[in-house]
Amino acid sequence: MNSNPLNERTFTSEDYDALSAKAVQVIGRETILAMSRAQAGLLCPASAPLGPNRGSVATVTDAEIEGQYEQIVLYVLPTGAHEHLIDP
C-alpha cells in the first residue's frame, strides 16, 4: 500500500536545514532569536509543505517564509500570549 498517494516528495533533514538557512536569510537571525522557542519550533514545519510539493526548498519564496513568520507570531502563537504556559 502506498503511504504517499499523491507521490509527494518527503521532506529530508537536509531540506529542513536548507529551509532554516533560508529563513535566517529572509527574516534575520535577531528576529528568529527573539521568537519564543515554541514559535521558532513552528517556523520550519509550517513552511515545509511548500517545498516538496514543488520539488525543492529553493522554490519557497521569501514572501512565503515571511507570511509563515507573520502567521505564527501574530495568530498561531502571538508573542507574549503563550509564554506563561510553557515550562522553562
C-alpha atoms as a PDB file:
ATOM      1  CA  MET A   1       0.000   0.000   0.000  1.00  0.00           C
ATOM      2  CA  ASN A   2       1.355   3.418  -0.967  1.00  0.00           C
ATOM      3  CA  SER A   3       1.588   5.650   2.105  1.00  0.00           C
ATOM      4  CA  ASN A   4       2.098   8.658  -0.173  1.00  0.00           C
ATOM      5  CA  PRO A   5      -0.827   8.512  -2.626  1.00  0.00           C
ATOM      6  CA  LEU A   6      -0.006  11.883  -4.198  1.00  0.00           C
ATOM      7  CA  ASN A   7       3.618  10.816  -4.756  1.00  0.00           C
ATOM      8  CA  GLU A   8       4.820  13.928  -2.949  1.00  0.00           C
ATOM      9  CA  ARG A   9       8.479  14.039  -2.074  1.00  0.00           C
ATOM     10  CA  THR A  10       9.089  13.727   1.661  1.00  0.00           C
ATOM     11  CA  PHE A  11      10.990  16.447   3.477  1.00  0.00           C
ATOM     12  CA  THR A  12      14.506  15.382   4.468  1.00  0.00           C
ATOM     13  CA  SER A  13      16.740  16.709   7.239  1.00  0.00           C
ATOM     14  CA  GLU A  14      18.774  18.424   4.511  1.00  0.00           C
ATOM     15  CA  ASP A  15      15.588  20.163   3.357  1.00  0.00           C
ATOM     16  CA  TYR A  16      14.909  21.372   6.902  1.00  0.00           C
ATOM     17  CA  ASP A  17      18.496  22.645   7.149  1.00  0.00           C
ATOM     18  CA  ALA A  18      18.153  24.489   3.836  1.00  0.00           C
ATOM     19  CA  LEU A  19      14.795  25.952   4.844  1.00  0.00           C
ATOM     20  CA  SER A  20      16.200  27.052   8.211  1.00  0.00           C
ATOM     21  CA  ALA A  21      19.115  28.767   6.496  1.00  0.00           C
ATOM     22  CA  LYS A  22      16.741  30.475   4.081  1.00  0.00           C
ATOM     23  CA  ALA A  23      14.524  31.639   6.974  1.00  0.00           C
ATOM     24  CA  VAL A  24      17.558  33.166   8.709  1.00  0.00           C
ATOM     25  CA  GLN A  25      18.474  34.931   5.468  1.00  0.00           C
ATOM     26  CA  VAL A  26      14.936  36.241   4.883  1.00  0.00           C
ATOM     27  CA  ILE A  27      13.721  37.045   8.392  1.00  0.00           C
ATOM     28  CA  GLY A  28      17.044  37.672  10.077  1.00  0.00           C
ATOM     29  CA  ARG A  29      18.908  35.958  12.856  1.00  0.00           C
ATOM     30  CA  GLU A  30      17.962  38.513  15.509  1.00  0.00           C
ATOM     31  CA  THR A  31      14.259  38.249  14.644  1.00  0.00           C
ATOM     32  CA  ILE A  32      14.349  34.471  14.891  1.00  0.00           C
ATOM     33  CA  LEU A  33      16.258  34.634  18.183  1.00  0.00           C
ATOM     34  CA  ALA A  34      13.561  36.998  19.506  1.00  0.00           C
ATOM     35  CA  MET A  35      10.864  34.391  18.829  1.00  0.00           C
ATOM     36  CA  SER A  36       9.849  32.117  21.661  1.00  0.00           C
ATOM     37  CA  ARG A  37      11.095  28.543  21.433  1.00  0.00           C
ATOM     38  CA  ALA A  38       7.567  27.386  20.577  1.00  0.00           C
ATOM     39  CA  GLN A  39       7.214  29.967  17.788  1.00  0.00           C
ATOM     40  CA  ALA A  40      10.611  29.167  16.298  1.00  0.00           C
ATOM     41  CA  GLY A  41       9.823  25.468  16.507  1.00  0.00           C
ATOM     42  CA  LEU A  42       6.804  26.010  14.261  1.00  0.00           C
ATOM     43  CA  LEU A  43       8.521  28.069  11.577  1.00  0.00           C
ATOM     44  CA  CYS A  44      10.118  25.302   9.506  1.00  0.00           C
ATOM     45  CA  PRO A  45       7.336  22.740   9.926  1.00  0.00           C
ATOM     46  CA  ALA A  46       4.805  25.396   8.876  1.00  0.00           C
ATOM     47  CA  SER A  47       6.846  26.209   5.773  1.00  0.00           C
ATOM     48  CA  ALA A  48       7.874  22.632   4.997  1.00  0.00           C
ATOM     49  CA  PRO A  49       4.897  21.650   2.828  1.00  0.00           C
ATOM     50  CA  LEU A  50       5.718  24.440   0.403  1.00  0.00           C
ATOM     51  CA  GLY A  51       8.999  22.973  -0.881  1.00  0.00           C
ATOM     52  CA  PRO A  52       8.459  19.272  -1.587  1.00  0.00           C
ATOM     53  CA  ASN A  53       5.210  19.895  -3.408  1.00  0.00           C
ATOM     54  CA  ARG A  54       7.218  21.892  -5.935  1.00  0.00           C
ATOM     55  CA  GLY A  55      10.260  19.645  -5.818  1.00  0.00           C
ATOM     56  CA  SER A  56      12.709  21.877  -3.967  1.00  0.00           C
ATOM     57  CA  VAL A  57      13.167  24.159  -0.975  1.00  0.00           C
ATOM     58  CA  ALA A  58      14.648  26.659  -3.423  1.00  0.00           C
ATOM     59  CA  THR A  59      11.159  27.236  -4.798  1.00  0.00           C
ATOM     60  CA  VAL A  60       9.893  28.564  -1.448  1.00  0.00           C
ATOM     61  CA  THR A  61       9.767  32.334  -1.869  1.00  0.00           C
ATOM     62  CA  ASP A  62      10.878  34.979   0.602  1.00  0.00           C
ATOM     63  CA  ALA A  63       7.271  36.200   0.793  1.00  0.00           C
ATOM     64  CA  GLU A  64       6.061  32.715   1.758  1.00  0.00           C
ATOM     65  CA  ILE A  65       8.597  32.489   4.581  1.00  0.00           C
ATOM     66  CA  GLU A  66       7.665  35.988   5.768  1.00  0.00           C
ATOM     67  CA  GLY A  67       3.993  35.006   5.620  1.00  0.00           C
ATOM     68  CA  GLN A  68       4.572  31.906   7.741  1.00  0.00           C
ATOM     69  CA  TYR A  69       6.518  34.006  10.254  1.00  0.00           C
ATOM     70  CA  GLU A  70       3.693  36.556  10.467  1.00  0.00           C
ATOM     71  CA  GLN A  71       1.026  33.867  10.866  1.00  0.00           C
ATOM     72  CA  ILE A  72       2.948  32.255  13.710  1.00  0.00           C
ATOM     73  CA  VAL A  73       3.819  35.401  15.704  1.00  0.00           C
ATOM     74  CA  LEU A  74       0.538  37.221  15.094  1.00  0.00           C
ATOM     75  CA  TYR A  75      -2.107  34.490  15.021  1.00  0.00           C
ATOM     76  CA  VAL A  76      -0.993  30.962  15.942  1.00  0.00           C
ATOM     77  CA  LEU A  77       1.162  31.785  18.988  1.00  0.00           C
ATOM     78  CA  PRO A  78       1.073  35.565  19.436  1.00  0.00           C
ATOM     79  CA  THR A  79       4.157  36.970  21.094  1.00  0.00           C
ATOM     80  CA  GLY A  80       3.568  37.381  24.814  1.00  0.00           C
ATOM     81  CA  ALA A  81       0.335  35.414  24.847  1.00  0.00           C
ATOM     82  CA  HIS A  82       1.616  31.894  25.437  1.00  0.00           C
ATOM     83  CA  GLU A  83       4.995  32.015  27.173  1.00  0.00           C
ATOM     84  CA  HIS A  84       3.418  31.655  30.626  1.00  0.00           C
ATOM     85  CA  LEU A  85       2.032  28.254  29.573  1.00  0.00           C
ATOM     86  CA  ILE A  86       5.450  26.800  28.775  1.00  0.00           C
ATOM     87  CA  ASP A  87       7.756  25.476  31.466  1.00  0.00           C
ATOM     88  CA  PRO A  88      11.260  26.994  31.200  1.00  0.00           C
END
